[in-house]
Protein backbone atom coordinates (compact mmCIF):
# COMPACT_ATOMS: atom_id res chain seq x y z
CA MET A 1 -11.41 8.23 -9.22
CA ALA A 2 -10.49 11.43 -10.89
CA PHE A 3 -8.20 11.43 -13.92
CA ASN A 4 -7.60 15.53 -13.69
CA HIS A 5 -4.06 14.43 -12.29
CA SER A 6 -3.31 12.45 -15.50
CA VAL A 7 -4.42 15.23 -17.83
CA GLN A 8 -2.16 17.55 -16.13
CA LYS A 9 0.84 15.05 -16.28
CA LEU A 10 0.12 14.69 -20.02
CA LEU A 11 -0.02 18.65 -20.36
CA ASN A 12 3.27 19.10 -18.74
CA LEU A 13 5.02 16.14 -20.39
CA LEU A 14 3.79 17.66 -23.87
CA LEU A 15 5.37 21.26 -22.71
CA ASN A 16 8.30 19.82 -21.28
CA ASN A 17 9.21 17.76 -24.67
CA TYR A 18 8.75 20.37 -27.00
CA GLN A 19 11.82 23.00 -27.47
CA GLU A 20 9.54 25.38 -29.15
CA LYS A 21 6.65 24.92 -26.62
CA GLU A 22 4.33 26.89 -28.93
CA VAL A 23 0.64 26.43 -28.10
CA GLN A 24 -1.93 27.47 -30.42
CA ILE A 25 -5.64 27.40 -30.02
CA GLU A 26 -8.11 26.92 -33.11
CA PRO A 27 -11.46 28.11 -31.72
CA GLY A 28 -14.63 26.18 -32.96
CA ILE A 29 -17.45 27.81 -35.19
CA GLU A 30 -19.15 28.32 -31.96
CA GLU A 31 -16.29 30.12 -29.69
CA ARG A 32 -17.95 29.20 -26.25
CA ASP A 33 -20.83 26.92 -25.01
CA ARG A 34 -23.62 27.91 -22.93
CA TYR A 35 -21.48 27.91 -19.63
CA GLY A 36 -19.23 30.49 -21.46
CA ARG A 37 -16.20 27.96 -21.98
CA LEU A 38 -14.12 28.11 -24.63
CA LEU A 39 -14.57 25.58 -27.26
CA ALA A 40 -11.53 25.02 -29.35
CA TYR A 41 -9.01 22.51 -30.34
CA VAL A 42 -5.56 23.16 -28.60
CA TYR A 43 -2.09 22.23 -30.31
CA VAL A 44 1.20 21.80 -28.56
CA GLY A 45 3.73 21.90 -31.03
CA ASP A 46 2.30 19.68 -33.73
CA LYS A 47 0.11 17.42 -31.50
CA MET A 48 -3.71 18.23 -31.12
CA PHE A 49 -3.90 17.94 -27.12
CA ASN A 50 -7.67 17.17 -27.73
CA LYS A 51 -6.83 13.80 -29.67
CA LEU A 52 -4.02 12.80 -27.10
CA LEU A 53 -6.65 13.15 -24.08
CA ARG A 54 -8.89 10.58 -26.11
CA GLU A 55 -5.87 8.10 -27.24
CA LYS A 56 -5.21 7.98 -23.31
CA GLY A 57 -8.75 7.63 -22.27
CA LEU A 58 -8.56 10.88 -20.59
CA ALA A 59 -11.75 12.65 -22.25
CA ARG A 60 -14.72 11.32 -24.01
CA VAL A 61 -16.37 12.88 -27.19
CA ALA A 62 -18.73 15.73 -26.36
CA VAL A 63 -20.60 17.31 -29.24
CA TYR A 64 -21.21 21.05 -29.61
CA PRO A 65 -22.81 21.63 -32.99
CA PRO A 66 -21.73 23.41 -35.36
CA ASN A 67 -18.44 22.39 -33.86
CA THR A 68 -17.91 19.13 -35.67
CA LYS A 69 -15.03 19.46 -37.78
CA TYR A 70 -12.83 16.80 -36.33
CA LEU A 71 -16.17 14.83 -34.81
CA ASP A 72 -15.50 11.66 -36.79
CA GLU A 73 -11.60 11.40 -36.17
CA MET A 74 -12.67 12.09 -32.08
CA LYS A 75 -15.02 9.29 -32.22
CA GLU A 76 -12.62 6.70 -34.08
CA ILE A 77 -9.89 7.37 -31.24
CA GLU A 78 -12.24 7.27 -28.77
CA SER A 79 -13.54 3.83 -29.76
CA ALA A 80 -9.83 2.71 -29.91
CA ALA A 81 -9.37 3.79 -26.36
CA LYS A 82 -12.50 2.09 -25.45
CA ALA A 83 -11.11 -1.24 -26.98
CA LYS A 84 -8.00 -0.79 -24.91
CA LYS A 85 -9.98 -0.13 -21.71
CA VAL A 86 -7.43 2.86 -20.96
CA GLY A 87 -8.13 5.74 -18.74
CA ILE A 88 -11.85 6.32 -18.21
CA TRP A 89 -12.94 3.36 -20.22
CA SER A 90 -10.84 0.99 -17.77
CA ILE A 91 -13.59 1.55 -15.23
CA GLU A 92 -17.06 -0.23 -16.14
CA ASN A 93 -19.91 2.51 -16.49
CA TYR A 94 -17.68 5.30 -15.26
CA ALA A 95 -18.03 7.46 -18.40
CA THR A 96 -21.67 7.49 -19.87
CA GLU A 97 -23.81 9.65 -21.98
CA ASP A 98 -24.87 11.37 -19.00
CA GLY A 99 -21.43 12.00 -17.35
CA TYR A 100 -18.99 10.55 -15.06
CA HIS A 101 -19.86 8.21 -12.25
CA THR A 102 -17.05 8.53 -9.54
CA GLU A 103 -18.53 5.90 -7.18
CA GLU A 104 -15.78 3.11 -6.74
CA LYS A 105 -18.07 0.16 -5.97
CA GLU A 106 -15.67 -2.28 -7.29
CA GLN A 107 -12.41 -1.04 -5.98
CA PRO A 108 -11.12 -2.33 -2.95
CA ALA A 109 -10.73 0.20 0.48
CA PRO A 110 -7.12 1.18 0.60
CA ALA A 111 -5.26 -0.08 3.78
CA PRO A 112 -5.25 2.07 6.78
CA LYS A 113 -2.87 4.30 7.06
CA ALA A 114 -0.90 5.57 10.14
CA GLU A 115 -2.47 8.92 11.35
CA PRO A 116 -0.15 11.98 10.71
CA GLU A 117 0.28 14.24 13.84
CA THR A 118 -2.51 16.56 13.59
CA LYS A 119 -1.87 20.28 13.86
CA PRO A 120 -4.16 22.95 15.12
CA GLU A 121 -6.27 23.89 11.94
CA ILE A 122 -9.29 25.60 11.34
CA ALA A 123 -11.90 22.95 11.16
CA ALA A 124 -13.63 22.79 7.60
CA ALA A 125 -17.18 24.24 7.57
CA SER A 126 -19.71 22.19 6.14
CA TYR A 127 -22.43 24.14 4.50
CA GLN A 128 -26.03 22.85 3.71
CA ASN A 129 -26.39 24.36 0.21
CA CYS A 130 -24.48 26.46 -2.08
CA THR A 131 -26.19 29.86 -1.05
CA GLU A 132 -24.66 29.37 2.09
CA LEU A 133 -20.91 28.30 0.62
CA ARG A 134 -21.22 31.19 -1.37
CA LYS A 135 -21.46 33.76 1.47
CA VAL A 136 -18.00 32.50 2.50
CA HIS A 137 -16.52 31.56 -0.91
CA PRO A 138 -18.16 33.58 -3.60
CA GLU A 139 -16.71 31.49 -6.59
CA GLY A 140 -17.04 28.32 -5.01
CA VAL A 141 -14.42 25.79 -4.03
CA PRO A 142 -12.18 23.01 -6.09
CA SER A 143 -12.14 19.45 -4.78
CA SER A 144 -8.91 19.94 -2.94
CA HIS A 145 -10.62 22.75 -0.69
CA PRO A 146 -11.92 21.61 2.90
CA ALA A 147 -15.35 23.12 2.33
CA TYR A 148 -15.81 20.93 -0.95
CA ASP A 149 -18.79 18.44 -0.70
CA THR A 150 -19.88 16.22 -3.62
CA LYS A 151 -23.47 17.34 -3.01
CA HIS A 152 -22.46 20.79 -4.15
CA ASP A 153 -20.82 19.61 -7.35
CA ARG A 154 -23.86 18.70 -9.38
CA ASP A 155 -21.99 18.83 -12.75
CA ASN A 156 -19.07 16.43 -11.61
CA ASP A 157 -16.36 18.71 -12.77
CA GLY A 158 -14.50 18.84 -9.30
CA TYR A 159 -15.53 22.40 -8.44
CA ALA A 160 -18.68 22.96 -6.14
CA CYS A 161 -20.84 25.96 -6.13
CA GLU A 162 -19.43 27.61 -9.34
CA ARG A 163 -21.10 30.32 -10.93
CA ASN A 164 -21.86 29.50 -14.46
């Protein structure tokens, strides 16, 4: 189960409800992680987006020392979300110390839907490995792309064969 859509909805709601729509970034002591991703606290108006994500159960605490300024507060918020079983905490064993487990064993299969008329399209290519996929898609592909395959998304971030 992916919660990316819920995160996007929350961000849109925040941005649409603030007249000033000012977004501020408070970088951590270490500004980037080992993958080059920005490590920061994000504010939309007077709301810290990082806290809101945890309150809604849309993120778990990840520690990137020395960036621990709000660690205790984030852990408290996460504990409250776990107790309420919201978001990622609503699915048993979905969020763990080693990442997110997307198998939906407990969920019943959706009812079959009528097949829409198919339009002639280029068939989605299947790639044996990331080397082959990158020959066609050098930056990798998002989960919405026809060439996406979970076997190529080792970090379960919804993006296959991305370059780190």
